[in-house]
Amino acid sequence: ATLMAKDYLTLKFGPLEFDAALKPQGA
């Protein structure tokens, strides 16, 4: 779901400096 969010936000705002794997899920 976080990867899906990254795709959505990239479409909306352009390339992001965001790694969906950095923050553990549930943190």
PDB file of all heavy atoms in Angstrom:
ATOM      1  N   ALA A   1       0.839  -1.210   0.000  1.00  0.00           N
ATOM      2  CA  ALA A   1       0.000   0.000   0.000  1.00  0.00           C
ATOM      3  C   ALA A   1       0.870   1.255   0.000  1.00  0.00           C
ATOM      4  O   ALA A   1       0.534   2.252  -0.657  1.00  0.00           O
ATOM      5  CB  ALA A   1      -0.939  -0.014   1.197  1.00  0.00           C
ATOM      6  N   THR A   2       1.987   1.209   0.703  1.00  0.00           N
ATOM      7  CA  THR A   2       2.896   2.358   0.723  1.00  0.00           C
ATOM      8  C   THR A   2       3.518   2.564  -0.656  1.00  0.00           C
ATOM      9  O   THR A   2       3.694   3.702  -1.104  1.00  0.00           O
ATOM     10  CB  THR A   2       3.970   2.184   1.810  1.00  0.00           C
ATOM     11  OG1 THR A   2       3.320   1.943   3.071  1.00  0.00           O
ATOM     12  CG2 THR A   2       4.840   3.422   1.934  1.00  0.00           C
ATOM     13  N   LEU A   3       3.826   1.474  -1.356  1.00  0.00           N
ATOM     14  CA  LEU A   3       4.315   1.606  -2.736  1.00  0.00           C
ATOM     15  C   LEU A   3       3.233   2.197  -3.645  1.00  0.00           C
ATOM     16  O   LEU A   3       3.522   3.013  -4.530  1.00  0.00           O
ATOM     17  CB  LEU A   3       4.770   0.251  -3.293  1.00  0.00           C
ATOM     18  CG  LEU A   3       6.046  -0.334  -2.712  1.00  0.00           C
ATOM     19  CD1 LEU A   3       6.340  -1.691  -3.351  1.00  0.00           C
ATOM     20  CD2 LEU A   3       7.227   0.614  -2.895  1.00  0.00           C
ATOM     21  N   MET A   4       1.979   1.796  -3.419  1.00  0.00           N
ATOM     22  CA  MET A   4       0.874   2.375  -4.188  1.00  0.00           C
ATOM     23  C   MET A   4       0.764   3.880  -3.910  1.00  0.00           C
ATOM     24  O   MET A   4       0.552   4.679  -4.829  1.00  0.00           O
ATOM     25  CB  MET A   4      -0.442   1.663  -3.840  1.00  0.00           C
ATOM     26  CG  MET A   4      -0.507   0.226  -4.312  1.00  0.00           C
ATOM     27  SD  MET A   4      -1.896  -0.703  -3.592  1.00  0.00           S
ATOM     28  CE  MET A   4      -3.294   0.092  -4.387  1.00  0.00           C
ATOM     29  N   ALA A   5       0.939   4.259  -2.649  1.00  0.00           N
ATOM     30  CA  ALA A   5       0.906   5.677  -2.280  1.00  0.00           C
ATOM     31  C   ALA A   5       2.050   6.428  -2.946  1.00  0.00           C
ATOM     32  O   ALA A   5       1.869   7.544  -3.443  1.00  0.00           O
ATOM     33  CB  ALA A   5       0.980   5.826  -0.761  1.00  0.00           C
ATOM     34  N   LYS A   6       3.211   5.809  -2.985  1.00  0.00           N
ATOM     35  CA  LYS A   6       4.369   6.433  -3.634  1.00  0.00           C
ATOM     36  C   LYS A   6       4.077   6.664  -5.118  1.00  0.00           C
ATOM     37  O   LYS A   6       4.382   7.728  -5.657  1.00  0.00           O
ATOM     38  CB  LYS A   6       5.603   5.543  -3.450  1.00  0.00           C
ATOM     39  CG  LYS A   6       6.876   6.115  -4.041  1.00  0.00           C
ATOM     40  CD  LYS A   6       8.063   5.205  -3.765  1.00  0.00           C
ATOM     41  CE  LYS A   6       9.337   5.753  -4.369  1.00  0.00           C
ATOM     42  NZ  LYS A   6      10.496   4.885  -4.061  1.00  0.00           N
ATOM     43  N   ASP A   7       3.463   5.685  -5.769  1.00  0.00           N
ATOM     44  CA  ASP A   7       3.081   5.852  -7.178  1.00  0.00           C
ATOM     45  C   ASP A   7       2.098   7.009  -7.347  1.00  0.00           C
ATOM     46  O   ASP A   7       2.265   7.857  -8.226  1.00  0.00           O
ATOM     47  CB  ASP A   7       2.453   4.572  -7.729  1.00  0.00           C
ATOM     48  CG  ASP A   7       3.478   3.536  -8.145  1.00  0.00           C
ATOM     49  OD1 ASP A   7       4.682   3.858  -8.187  1.00  0.00           O
ATOM     50  OD2 ASP A   7       3.059   2.401  -8.426  1.00  0.00           O
ATOM     51  N   TYR A   8       1.075   7.031  -6.522  1.00  0.00           N
ATOM     52  CA  TYR A   8       0.061   8.085  -6.596  1.00  0.00           C
ATOM     53  C   TYR A   8       0.711   9.461  -6.417  1.00  0.00           C
ATOM     54  O   TYR A   8       0.464  10.396  -7.185  1.00  0.00           O
ATOM     55  CB  TYR A   8      -1.027   7.855  -5.536  1.00  0.00           C
ATOM     56  CG  TYR A   8      -1.906   9.050  -5.329  1.00  0.00           C
ATOM     57  CD1 TYR A   8      -2.993   9.289  -6.172  1.00  0.00           C
ATOM     58  CD2 TYR A   8      -1.641   9.955  -4.316  1.00  0.00           C
ATOM     59  CE1 TYR A   8      -3.794  10.413  -5.997  1.00  0.00           C
ATOM     60  CE2 TYR A   8      -2.438  11.078  -4.132  1.00  0.00           C
ATOM     61  CZ  TYR A   8      -3.506  11.296  -4.973  1.00  0.00           C
ATOM     62  OH  TYR A   8      -4.291  12.413  -4.805  1.00  0.00           O
ATOM     63  N   LEU A   9       1.541   9.593  -5.388  1.00  0.00           N
ATOM     64  CA  LEU A   9       2.170  10.880  -5.086  1.00  0.00           C
ATOM     65  C   LEU A   9       3.166  11.285  -6.179  1.00  0.00           C
ATOM     66  O   LEU A   9       3.297  12.469  -6.488  1.00  0.00           O
ATOM     67  CB  LEU A   9       2.842  10.832  -3.715  1.00  0.00           C
ATOM     68  CG  LEU A   9       1.868  10.684  -2.533  1.00  0.00           C
ATOM     69  CD1 LEU A   9       2.627  10.398  -1.240  1.00  0.00           C
ATOM     70  CD2 LEU A   9       0.979  11.914  -2.403  1.00  0.00           C
ATOM     71  N   THR A  10       3.836  10.315  -6.773  1.00  0.00           N
ATOM     72  CA  THR A  10       4.756  10.613  -7.871  1.00  0.00           C
ATOM     73  C   THR A  10       3.986  11.137  -9.078  1.00  0.00           C
ATOM     74  O   THR A  10       4.429  12.088  -9.741  1.00  0.00           O
ATOM     75  CB  THR A  10       5.579   9.359  -8.245  1.00  0.00           C
ATOM     76  OG1 THR A  10       6.369   8.978  -7.107  1.00  0.00           O
ATOM     77  CG2 THR A  10       6.502   9.622  -9.420  1.00  0.00           C
ATOM     78  N   LEU A  11       2.840  10.531  -9.368  1.00  0.00           N
ATOM     79  CA  LEU A  11       2.005  11.035 -10.462  1.00  0.00           C
ATOM     80  C   LEU A  11       1.552  12.468 -10.185  1.00  0.00           C
ATOM     81  O   LEU A  11       1.501  13.297 -11.092  1.00  0.00           O
ATOM     82  CB  LEU A  11       0.762  10.153 -10.641  1.00  0.00           C
ATOM     83  CG  LEU A  11       0.919   8.903 -11.484  1.00  0.00           C
ATOM     84  CD1 LEU A  11      -0.344   8.047 -11.411  1.00  0.00           C
ATOM     85  CD2 LEU A  11       1.228   9.261 -12.928  1.00  0.00           C
ATOM     86  N   LYS A  12       1.238  12.757  -8.947  1.00  0.00           N
ATOM     87  CA  LYS A  12       0.679  14.053  -8.572  1.00  0.00           C
ATOM     88  C   LYS A  12       1.751  15.142  -8.429  1.00  0.00           C
ATOM     89  O   LYS A  12       1.518  16.287  -8.803  1.00  0.00           O
ATOM     90  CB  LYS A  12      -0.103  13.908  -7.267  1.00  0.00           C
ATOM     91  CG  LYS A  12      -0.989  15.077  -6.949  1.00  0.00           C
ATOM     92  CD  LYS A  12      -2.030  14.659  -5.924  1.00  0.00           C
ATOM     93  CE  LYS A  12      -2.998  15.760  -5.642  1.00  0.00           C
ATOM     94  NZ  LYS A  12      -4.037  15.932  -6.635  1.00  0.00           N
ATOM     95  N   PHE A  13       2.917  14.782  -7.890  1.00  0.00           N
ATOM     96  CA  PHE A  13       3.924  15.782  -7.540  1.00  0.00           C
ATOM     97  C   PHE A  13       5.268  15.615  -8.245  1.00  0.00           C
ATOM     98  O   PHE A  13       6.166  16.423  -8.039  1.00  0.00           O
ATOM     99  CB  PHE A  13       4.165  15.779  -6.022  1.00  0.00           C
ATOM    100  CG  PHE A  13       2.962  16.154  -5.223  1.00  0.00           C
ATOM    101  CD1 PHE A  13       2.190  15.184  -4.599  1.00  0.00           C
ATOM    102  CD2 PHE A  13       2.571  17.477  -5.101  1.00  0.00           C
ATOM    103  CE1 PHE A  13       1.065  15.526  -3.864  1.00  0.00           C
ATOM    104  CE2 PHE A  13       1.450  17.831  -4.367  1.00  0.00           C
ATOM    105  CZ  PHE A  13       0.685  16.851  -3.748  1.00  0.00           C
ATOM    106  N   GLY A  14       5.428  14.567  -9.022  1.00  0.00           N
ATOM    107  CA  GLY A  14       6.719  14.314  -9.656  1.00  0.00           C
ATOM    108  C   GLY A  14       7.588  13.435  -8.778  1.00  0.00           C
ATOM    109  O   GLY A  14       7.158  12.960  -7.722  1.00  0.00           O
ATOM    110  N   PRO A  15       8.827  13.205  -9.210  1.00  0.00           N
ATOM    111  CA  PRO A  15       9.725  12.304  -8.468  1.00  0.00           C
ATOM    112  C   PRO A  15       9.867  12.711  -7.004  1.00  0.00           C
ATOM    113  O   PRO A  15       9.935  13.891  -6.677  1.00  0.00           O
ATOM    114  CB  PRO A  15      11.061  12.447  -9.203  1.00  0.00           C
ATOM    115  CG  PRO A  15      10.692  12.950 -10.562  1.00  0.00           C
ATOM    116  CD  PRO A  15       9.464  13.793 -10.389  1.00  0.00           C
ATOM    117  N   LEU A  16       9.878  11.709  -6.144  1.00  0.00           N
ATOM    118  CA  LEU A  16       9.980  11.925  -4.701  1.00  0.00           C
ATOM    119  C   LEU A  16      11.255  11.308  -4.162  1.00  0.00           C
ATOM    120  O   LEU A  16      11.708  10.273  -4.651  1.00  0.00           O
ATOM    121  CB  LEU A  16       8.802  11.260  -3.976  1.00  0.00           C
ATOM    122  CG  LEU A  16       7.394  11.595  -4.427  1.00  0.00           C
ATOM    123  CD1 LEU A  16       6.396  10.689  -3.735  1.00  0.00           C
ATOM    124  CD2 LEU A  16       7.082  13.049  -4.144  1.00  0.00           C
ATOM    125  N   GLU A  17      11.790  11.929  -3.137  1.00  0.00           N
ATOM    126  CA  GLU A  17      12.867  11.291  -2.394  1.00  0.00           C
ATOM    127  C   GLU A  17      12.217  10.598  -1.211  1.00  0.00           C
ATOM    128  O   GLU A  17      12.094  11.153  -0.124  1.00  0.00           O
ATOM    129  CB  GLU A  17      13.899  12.323  -1.954  1.00  0.00           C
ATOM    130  CG  GLU A  17      14.698  12.872  -3.117  1.00  0.00           C
ATOM    131  CD  GLU A  17      15.940  13.611  -2.673  1.00  0.00           C
ATOM    132  OE1 GLU A  17      16.489  13.279  -1.597  1.00  0.00           O
ATOM    133  OE2 GLU A  17      16.352  14.504  -3.410  1.00  0.00           O
ATOM    134  N   PHE A  18      11.757   9.379  -1.477  1.00  0.00           N
ATOM    135  CA  PHE A  18      11.004   8.629  -0.480  1.00  0.00           C
ATOM    136  C   PHE A  18      11.260   7.152  -0.694  1.00  0.00           C
ATOM    137  O   PHE A  18      11.146   6.649  -1.804  1.00  0.00           O
ATOM    138  CB  PHE A  18       9.500   8.935  -0.617  1.00  0.00           C
ATOM    139  CG  PHE A  18       8.625   8.085   0.258  1.00  0.00           C
ATOM    140  CD1 PHE A  18       8.662   8.207   1.633  1.00  0.00           C
ATOM    141  CD2 PHE A  18       7.773   7.156  -0.297  1.00  0.00           C
ATOM    142  CE1 PHE A  18       7.869   7.413   2.437  1.00  0.00           C
ATOM    143  CE2 PHE A  18       6.963   6.357   0.493  1.00  0.00           C
ATOM    144  CZ  PHE A  18       7.014   6.494   1.872  1.00  0.00           C
ATOM    145  N   ASP A  19      11.623   6.472   0.375  1.00  0.00           N
ATOM    146  CA  ASP A  19      11.847   5.028   0.335  1.00  0.00           C
ATOM    147  C   ASP A  19      10.805   4.364   1.229  1.00  0.00           C
ATOM    148  O   ASP A  19      10.841   4.512   2.453  1.00  0.00           O
ATOM    149  CB  ASP A  19      13.260   4.714   0.819  1.00  0.00           C
ATOM    150  CG  ASP A  19      13.643   3.261   0.629  1.00  0.00           C
ATOM    151  OD1 ASP A  19      12.744   2.390   0.650  1.00  0.00           O
ATOM    152  OD2 ASP A  19      14.833   2.986   0.473  1.00  0.00           O
ATOM    153  N   ALA A  20       9.876   3.654   0.615  1.00  0.00           N
ATOM    154  CA  ALA A  20       8.781   3.010   1.350  1.00  0.00           C
ATOM    155  C   ALA A  20       9.280   1.923   2.299  1.00  0.00           C
ATOM    156  O   ALA A  20       8.551   1.517   3.203  1.00  0.00           O
ATOM    157  CB  ALA A  20       7.772   2.422   0.363  1.00  0.00           C
ATOM    158  N   ALA A  21      10.493   1.463   2.108  1.00  0.00           N
ATOM    159  CA  ALA A  21      11.024   0.377   2.937  1.00  0.00           C
ATOM    160  C   ALA A  21      11.778   0.880   4.173  1.00  0.00           C
ATOM    161  O   ALA A  21      12.124   0.077   5.031  1.00  0.00           O
ATOM    162  CB  ALA A  21      11.944  -0.506   2.097  1.00  0.00           C
ATOM    163  N   LEU A  22      12.019   2.180   4.277  1.00  0.00           N
ATOM    164  CA  LEU A  22      12.814   2.679   5.399  1.00  0.00           C
ATOM    165  C   LEU A  22      12.085   2.616   6.736  1.00  0.00           C
ATOM    166  O   LEU A  22      12.669   2.224   7.740  1.00  0.00           O
ATOM    167  CB  LEU A  22      13.266   4.121   5.138  1.00  0.00           C
ATOM    168  CG  LEU A  22      14.448   4.272   4.200  1.00  0.00           C
ATOM    169  CD1 LEU A  22      14.797   5.747   4.010  1.00  0.00           C
ATOM    170  CD2 LEU A  22      15.663   3.504   4.703  1.00  0.00           C
ATOM    171  N   LYS A  23      10.828   3.009   6.760  1.00  0.00           N
ATOM    172  CA  LYS A  23      10.072   3.003   8.017  1.00  0.00           C
ATOM    173  C   LYS A  23       9.384   1.656   8.167  1.00  0.00           C
ATOM    174  O   LYS A  23       8.599   1.258   7.315  1.00  0.00           O
ATOM    175  CB  LYS A  23       9.035   4.124   8.006  1.00  0.00           C
ATOM    176  CG  LYS A  23       8.249   4.217   9.310  1.00  0.00           C
ATOM    177  CD  LYS A  23       7.266   5.382   9.258  1.00  0.00           C
ATOM    178  CE  LYS A  23       6.526   5.464  10.553  1.00  0.00           C
ATOM    179  NZ  LYS A  23       5.125   5.147  10.438  1.00  0.00           N
ATOM    180  N   PRO A  24       9.665   0.945   9.246  1.00  0.00           N
ATOM    181  CA  PRO A  24       9.004  -0.348   9.449  1.00  0.00           C
ATOM    182  C   PRO A  24       7.487  -0.180   9.511  1.00  0.00           C
ATOM    183  O   PRO A  24       6.989   0.785  10.096  1.00  0.00           O
ATOM    184  CB  PRO A  24       9.549  -0.843  10.787  1.00  0.00           C
ATOM    185  CG  PRO A  24      10.799  -0.057  11.018  1.00  0.00           C
ATOM    186  CD  PRO A  24      10.603   1.259  10.317  1.00  0.00           C
ATOM    187  N   GLN A  25       6.776  -1.114   8.913  1.00  0.00           N
ATOM    188  CA  GLN A  25       5.314  -1.075   8.955  1.00  0.00           C
ATOM    189  C   GLN A  25       4.865  -1.220  10.405  1.00  0.00           C
ATOM    190  O   GLN A  25       5.378  -2.033  11.152  1.00  0.00           O
ATOM    191  CB  GLN A  25       4.724  -2.191   8.089  1.00  0.00           C
ATOM    192  CG  GLN A  25       5.113  -2.102   6.629  1.00  0.00           C
ATOM    193  CD  GLN A  25       4.733  -0.776   5.998  1.00  0.00           C
ATOM    194  OE1 GLN A  25       3.655  -0.271   6.207  1.00  0.00           O
ATOM    195  NE2 GLN A  25       5.649  -0.217   5.224  1.00  0.00           N
ATOM    196  N   GLY A  26       3.918  -0.400  10.797  1.00  0.00           N
ATOM    197  CA  GLY A  26       3.410  -0.447  12.162  1.00  0.00           C
ATOM    198  C   GLY A  26       4.192   0.418  13.137  1.00  0.00           C
ATOM    199  O   GLY A  26       3.812   0.531  14.301  1.00  0.00           O
ATOM    200  N   ALA A  27       5.291   1.029  12.669  1.00  0.00           N
ATOM    201  CA  ALA A  27       6.060   1.909  13.557  1.00  0.00           C
ATOM    202  C   ALA A  27       5.247   3.172  13.838  1.00  0.00           C
ATOM    203  O   ALA A  27       4.441   3.595  13.017  1.00  0.00           O
ATOM    204  CB  ALA A  27       7.398   2.270  12.912  1.00  0.00           C
TER     205      ALA A  27
END
